[in-house]
């Protein structure tokens, strides 16, 4: 009996301690329509909870986004605080244990949840989140927050994001380099040194980063005079040849200087199909001379 009583007291003390810490850490929050920022952020948490249909999820997120947007820059201090929060092992275990109790309707969040909610809120702020850029940039040096911070910085316009992406494309972290090259490719802005950085990625020590660089080069047709020779060189790398062929094909007629090399590869029956597809996009006449006809997405011998 005494043992049970002791356990009950420990649980009670733990719960009280949790609430004291939780409430003590909360700063004065901005509000919208009578609800504070924490309440709106909790709605992001409900996106992963069971709801009757996707329309309700959409409404829930749209309402939370709208609330955060209307709070504007006043929301940034608390969002940045949550983005950098870290759980003590005690708090994490306590929150996880309490969330398993069926009678607790409002679930307790871990800092992983809080970071996710803060990230969604910063995205909802759009250009209003620009005051957070210096702090987000500083967090790129934090191994546990770097990827999340970079993904948030990628939401900004080219003028803001590209200089940061160029720096991250040569970072020591291969995952950051890969993410930066992907986003630079999607932006399709070859000026201001971007194309040179993507070309440098072709020689990256990490094979995944090299593969991303090869794939992204097709997004710079205006720089074909630099891109096509680099891709032709990559055709000699068996591990990247297929990707290089694809990128050349996507460049269309701008990749004509690659036709002789592609015809050489296409003469190998094993490698024929991808090279033939590329040839039919770049130079249909050359493809026909090899006895290739285009059928939807595929190229085959006549």
Protein backbone atom coordinates (compact mmCIF):
# COMPACT_ATOMS: atom_id res chain seq x y z
CA UNK A 1 0.00 0.00 0.00
CA UNK A 2 2.79 2.37 0.96
CA UNK A 3 4.58 1.54 -2.30
CA UNK A 4 1.49 2.43 -4.34
CA UNK A 5 1.05 5.64 -2.38
CA UNK A 6 4.68 6.54 -3.00
CA UNK A 7 4.32 5.90 -6.74
CA UNK A 8 1.15 8.01 -6.87
CA UNK A 9 2.91 10.89 -5.09
CA UNK A 10 5.86 10.68 -7.54
CA UNK A 11 3.51 10.79 -10.51
CA UNK A 12 1.67 13.77 -9.00
CA UNK A 13 4.92 15.62 -8.33
CA UNK A 14 6.06 14.85 -11.87
CA UNK A 15 2.86 16.22 -13.39
CA UNK A 16 2.98 19.35 -11.24
CA UNK A 17 6.66 19.87 -12.11
CA UNK A 18 5.87 19.48 -15.78
CA UNK A 19 3.15 22.12 -15.64
CA UNK A 20 5.35 24.50 -13.64
CA UNK A 21 8.19 24.22 -16.14
CA UNK A 22 5.82 24.32 -19.12
CA UNK A 23 3.97 27.39 -17.93
CA UNK A 24 7.11 29.08 -16.63
CA UNK A 25 8.80 28.90 -20.02
CA UNK A 26 5.91 30.48 -21.84
CA UNK A 27 6.49 34.10 -22.68
CA UNK A 28 3.86 36.72 -23.27
CA UNK A 29 2.30 35.67 -26.52
CA UNK A 30 0.64 37.52 -29.38
CA UNK A 31 -2.95 36.55 -30.05
CA UNK A 32 -5.54 36.59 -32.80
CA UNK A 33 -9.31 36.30 -32.46
CA UNK A 34 -9.04 35.64 -28.72
CA UNK A 35 -6.55 32.75 -29.01
CA UNK A 36 -2.87 33.02 -28.21
CA UNK A 37 -0.08 31.79 -30.47
CA UNK A 38 0.35 28.53 -28.55
CA UNK A 39 -3.29 27.66 -29.14
CA UNK A 40 -2.99 28.26 -32.88
CA UNK A 41 0.24 26.26 -33.03
CA UNK A 42 -1.50 23.35 -31.35
CA UNK A 43 -3.82 23.24 -34.37
CA UNK A 44 -0.81 22.30 -36.49
CA UNK A 45 -0.38 19.35 -34.15
CA UNK A 46 -3.95 18.30 -34.85
CA UNK A 47 -3.10 17.94 -38.54
CA UNK A 48 -1.59 14.55 -37.76
CA UNK A 49 -4.48 13.55 -35.47
CA UNK A 50 -7.47 11.65 -36.84
CA UNK A 51 -10.08 13.98 -38.31
CA UNK A 52 -13.10 13.05 -40.36
CA UNK A 53 -11.82 14.23 -43.74
CA UNK A 54 -9.12 16.10 -45.61
CA UNK A 55 -11.31 19.20 -45.93
CA UNK A 56 -11.26 19.63 -42.16
CA UNK A 57 -7.48 19.32 -42.15
CA UNK A 58 -7.26 21.96 -44.86
CA UNK A 59 -9.53 24.34 -42.96
CA UNK A 60 -7.59 23.74 -39.75
CA UNK A 61 -4.27 24.56 -41.40
CA UNK A 62 -5.61 27.53 -43.35
CA UNK A 63 -7.07 29.05 -40.20
CA UNK A 64 -3.82 28.55 -38.29
CA UNK A 65 -1.81 30.00 -41.19
CA UNK A 66 -4.09 33.02 -41.36
CA UNK A 67 -3.85 33.60 -37.60
CA UNK A 68 -0.04 33.44 -37.62
CA UNK A 69 0.13 35.74 -40.64
CA UNK A 70 -2.04 38.31 -38.89
CA UNK A 71 0.17 38.18 -35.78
CA UNK A 72 3.05 39.06 -38.08
CA UNK A 73 6.52 39.78 -36.74
CA UNK A 74 5.20 39.67 -33.15
CA UNK A 75 5.13 35.89 -33.49
CA UNK A 76 8.80 35.53 -34.50
CA UNK A 77 10.49 35.64 -31.04
CA UNK A 78 8.38 32.79 -29.71
CA UNK A 79 8.63 30.80 -32.95
CA UNK A 80 12.43 31.04 -32.92
CA UNK A 81 12.46 30.02 -29.26
CA UNK A 82 10.42 26.93 -30.09
CA UNK A 83 12.51 26.15 -33.13
CA UNK A 84 15.57 25.89 -30.88
CA UNK A 85 13.90 24.13 -27.95
CA UNK A 86 15.37 20.91 -26.66
CA UNK A 87 13.80 18.29 -24.42
CA UNK A 88 15.36 17.08 -21.22
CA UNK A 89 15.10 13.31 -21.07
CA UNK A 90 12.71 13.72 -18.13
CA UNK A 91 10.36 16.02 -20.01
CA UNK A 92 10.38 13.82 -23.10
CA UNK A 93 9.61 10.67 -21.11
CA UNK A 94 6.93 12.43 -19.10
CA UNK A 95 5.20 13.92 -22.19
CA UNK A 96 5.35 10.58 -23.98
CA UNK A 97 3.96 8.72 -20.96
CA UNK A 98 1.16 11.22 -20.37
CA UNK A 99 0.15 11.12 -24.03
CA UNK A 100 -0.48 7.39 -23.69
CA UNK A 101 -3.19 8.03 -21.08
CA UNK A 102 -6.58 7.83 -22.78
CA UNK A 103 -8.27 10.29 -20.41
CA UNK A 104 -5.89 13.12 -21.39
CA UNK A 105 -7.54 14.82 -24.34
CA UNK A 106 -5.04 17.64 -24.94
CA UNK A 107 -1.78 15.91 -25.75
CA UNK A 108 1.53 17.27 -24.52
CA UNK A 109 4.05 18.21 -27.18
CA UNK A 110 7.69 17.24 -27.36
CA UNK A 111 10.21 19.74 -28.66
CA UNK A 112 10.29 17.82 -31.94
CA UNK A 113 6.60 18.68 -32.29
CA UNK A 114 7.25 22.29 -31.32
CA UNK A 115 9.99 22.65 -33.92
CA UNK A 116 7.69 21.27 -36.60
CA UNK A 117 4.85 23.61 -35.60
CA UNK A 118 7.22 26.61 -35.47
CA UNK A 119 8.50 25.76 -38.95
CA UNK A 120 4.98 25.64 -40.36
CA UNK A 121 4.20 28.98 -38.72
CA UNK A 122 7.33 30.63 -40.14
CA UNK A 123 6.30 29.42 -43.59
CA UNK A 124 2.84 30.88 -43.03
CA UNK A 125 4.40 34.28 -42.30
CA UNK A 126 5.87 34.42 -45.80
CA UNK A 127 7.89 37.59 -46.37
CA UNK A 128 6.94 38.78 -42.87
CA UNK A 129 9.39 36.17 -41.55
CA UNK A 130 12.40 38.04 -42.97
CA UNK A 131 13.48 39.36 -39.53
CA UNK A 132 14.13 35.70 -38.63
CA UNK A 133 16.71 35.28 -41.42
CA UNK A 134 19.82 36.23 -39.36
CA UNK A 135 18.92 33.75 -36.62
CA UNK A 136 17.98 31.01 -39.11
CA UNK A 137 21.32 31.57 -40.87
CA UNK A 138 23.16 31.27 -37.55
CA UNK A 139 21.40 27.95 -36.90
CA UNK A 140 22.96 26.51 -40.07
CA UNK A 141 26.05 25.87 -37.93
CA UNK A 142 24.01 23.76 -35.50
CA UNK A 143 24.15 20.12 -36.68
CA UNK A 144 20.78 19.24 -35.17
CA UNK A 145 18.97 22.26 -36.64
CA UNK A 146 20.87 22.95 -39.87
CA UNK A 147 18.65 20.96 -42.24
CA UNK A 148 15.43 22.34 -40.79
CA UNK A 149 16.80 25.90 -40.88
CA UNK A 150 17.95 25.58 -44.49
CA UNK A 151 14.55 24.26 -45.55
CA UNK A 152 12.92 27.29 -43.94
CA UNK A 153 15.36 29.69 -45.61
CA UNK A 154 14.51 28.10 -48.95
CA UNK A 155 11.02 29.57 -48.67
CA UNK A 156 12.34 33.08 -49.26
CA UNK A 157 12.78 34.84 -52.60
CA UNK A 158 15.81 34.46 -54.86
CA UNK A 159 17.48 37.64 -53.64
CA UNK A 160 17.40 36.38 -50.06
CA UNK A 161 17.88 32.65 -50.54
CA UNK A 162 20.42 32.28 -53.35
CA UNK A 163 23.44 33.78 -51.49
CA UNK A 164 22.73 31.43 -48.58
CA UNK A 165 22.27 28.44 -50.88
CA UNK A 166 25.57 29.20 -52.61
CA UNK A 167 27.33 29.08 -49.25
CA UNK A 168 25.60 25.84 -48.25
CA UNK A 169 26.47 24.19 -51.58
CA UNK A 170 30.10 24.09 -50.43
CA UNK A 171 29.34 23.27 -46.79
CA UNK A 172 31.11 20.38 -45.01
CA UNK A 173 27.74 18.67 -44.54
CA UNK A 174 26.92 16.56 -47.63
CA UNK A 175 23.18 16.63 -46.88
CA UNK A 176 23.21 20.45 -46.84
CA UNK A 177 25.19 20.52 -50.10
CA UNK A 178 22.67 18.23 -51.74
CA UNK A 179 19.67 20.23 -50.50
CA UNK A 180 21.25 23.52 -51.63
CA UNK A 181 21.99 22.21 -55.13
CA UNK A 182 18.45 20.88 -55.46
CA UNK A 183 16.93 24.23 -54.61
CA UNK A 184 19.35 26.16 -56.83
CA UNK A 185 18.29 23.92 -59.69
CA UNK A 186 14.59 24.43 -59.02
CA UNK A 187 15.08 28.20 -59.04
CA UNK A 188 16.61 28.04 -62.56
CA UNK A 189 18.72 31.16 -61.97
CA UNK A 190 22.12 30.58 -63.56
CA UNK A 191 23.55 34.04 -62.89
CA UNK A 192 25.54 35.34 -59.91
CA UNK A 193 27.80 32.30 -59.83
CA UNK A 194 25.01 29.72 -59.51
CA UNK A 195 25.92 27.66 -62.58
CA UNK A 196 29.58 27.54 -61.51
CA UNK A 197 28.60 26.17 -58.11
CA UNK A 198 26.34 23.51 -59.66
CA UNK A 199 29.14 22.51 -62.05
CA UNK A 200 31.50 22.23 -59.09
CA UNK A 201 29.02 19.76 -57.59
CA UNK A 202 29.93 17.33 -60.39
CA UNK A 203 33.25 16.75 -58.61
CA UNK A 204 31.80 16.47 -55.11
CA UNK A 205 33.26 13.61 -53.01
CA UNK A 206 29.73 12.45 -52.13
CA UNK A 207 28.05 10.36 -54.90
CA UNK A 208 24.56 11.58 -53.97
CA UNK A 209 25.63 15.22 -54.29
CA UNK A 210 27.21 14.48 -57.70
CA UNK A 211 23.99 12.81 -58.85
CA UNK A 212 21.92 15.85 -57.82
CA UNK A 213 24.30 18.19 -59.66
CA UNK A 214 23.97 16.11 -62.86
CA UNK A 215 20.18 16.13 -62.61
CA UNK A 216 19.95 19.85 -61.91
CA UNK A 217 22.09 20.93 -64.89
CA UNK A 218 19.17 20.33 -67.25
CA UNK A 219 17.43 23.28 -65.59
CA UNK A 220 19.90 25.78 -67.02
CA UNK A 221 19.29 25.75 -70.81
CA UNK A 222 20.47 29.36 -71.08
CA UNK A 223 23.89 28.13 -69.91
CA UNK A 224 24.04 25.25 -72.41
CA UNK A 225 27.50 26.26 -73.62
CA UNK A 226 28.82 25.35 -70.16
CA UNK A 227 26.36 22.62 -69.23
CA UNK A 228 26.50 20.40 -72.32
CA UNK A 229 30.30 19.83 -72.37
CA UNK A 230 30.22 19.05 -68.66
CA UNK A 231 27.44 16.49 -69.16
CA UNK A 232 29.26 14.92 -72.12
CA UNK A 233 32.27 14.39 -69.84
CA UNK A 234 30.01 12.74 -67.26
CA UNK A 235 28.84 10.22 -69.89
CA UNK A 236 32.11 8.37 -69.26
CA UNK A 237 31.08 7.75 -65.64
CA UNK A 238 29.01 4.57 -65.65
CA UNK A 239 27.42 5.43 -62.29
CA UNK A 240 26.08 8.75 -63.60
CA UNK A 241 25.73 8.05 -67.33
CA UNK A 242 21.98 7.43 -67.22
CA UNK A 243 21.33 10.70 -65.35
CA UNK A 244 23.59 12.62 -67.73
CA UNK A 245 21.72 11.19 -70.73
CA UNK A 246 18.41 12.24 -69.19
CA UNK A 247 19.66 15.78 -68.54
CA UNK A 248 20.96 16.11 -72.09
CA UNK A 249 17.61 14.95 -73.44
CA UNK A 250 15.76 17.52 -71.35
CA UNK A 251 17.94 20.27 -72.83
CA UNK A 252 16.54 19.39 -76.27
CA UNK A 253 18.20 20.85 -79.34
CA UNK A 254 20.55 22.90 -77.16
CA UNK A 255 22.37 19.64 -76.48
CA UNK A 256 23.24 19.01 -80.17
CA UNK A 257 27.00 18.98 -79.46
CA UNK A 258 26.37 15.79 -77.48
CA UNK A 259 24.81 13.93 -80.45
CA UNK A 260 27.99 12.10 -81.62
CA UNK A 261 28.67 10.76 -78.12
CA UNK A 262 25.03 9.77 -77.62
CA UNK A 263 25.02 7.95 -80.97
CA UNK A 264 28.10 6.06 -79.85
CA UNK A 265 26.38 5.03 -76.61
CA UNK A 266 23.16 4.20 -78.46
CA UNK A 267 25.04 1.72 -80.64
CA UNK A 268 25.41 -0.40 -77.52
CA UNK A 269 22.14 -2.36 -77.43
CA UNK A 270 22.22 -2.66 -73.63
CA UNK A 271 22.38 1.15 -73.22
CA UNK A 272 20.32 1.90 -76.30
CA UNK A 273 16.98 2.95 -74.91
CA UNK A 274 17.89 5.97 -72.72
CA UNK A 275 20.36 7.32 -75.29
CA UNK A 276 17.78 6.82 -78.04
CA UNK A 277 15.18 8.73 -76.04
CA UNK A 278 17.62 11.60 -75.61
CA UNK A 279 18.58 11.56 -79.31
CA UNK A 280 14.96 11.70 -80.40
CA UNK A 281 14.50 14.83 -78.27
CA UNK A 282 17.74 16.51 -79.30
CA UNK A 283 18.07 15.57 -82.98
CA UNK A 284 15.18 13.49 -84.39
CA UNK A 285 16.94 13.20 -87.76
CA UNK A 286 20.01 11.65 -86.16
CA UNK A 287 17.76 9.26 -84.25
CA UNK A 288 16.04 8.22 -87.48
CA UNK A 289 19.39 7.57 -89.14
CA UNK A 290 20.02 5.04 -86.40
CA UNK A 291 16.69 3.40 -87.12
CA UNK A 292 14.96 4.83 -84.06
CA UNK A 293 11.36 5.93 -83.91
CA UNK A 294 9.71 7.77 -81.02
CA UNK A 295 6.70 6.13 -79.39
CA UNK A 296 5.29 8.21 -76.53
CA UNK A 297 8.02 8.26 -73.86
CA UNK A 298 10.08 5.47 -75.40
CA UNK A 299 12.34 5.10 -78.38
CA UNK A 300 12.63 1.80 -80.18
CA UNK A 301 14.21 0.32 -83.30
CA UNK A 302 12.09 0.49 -86.40
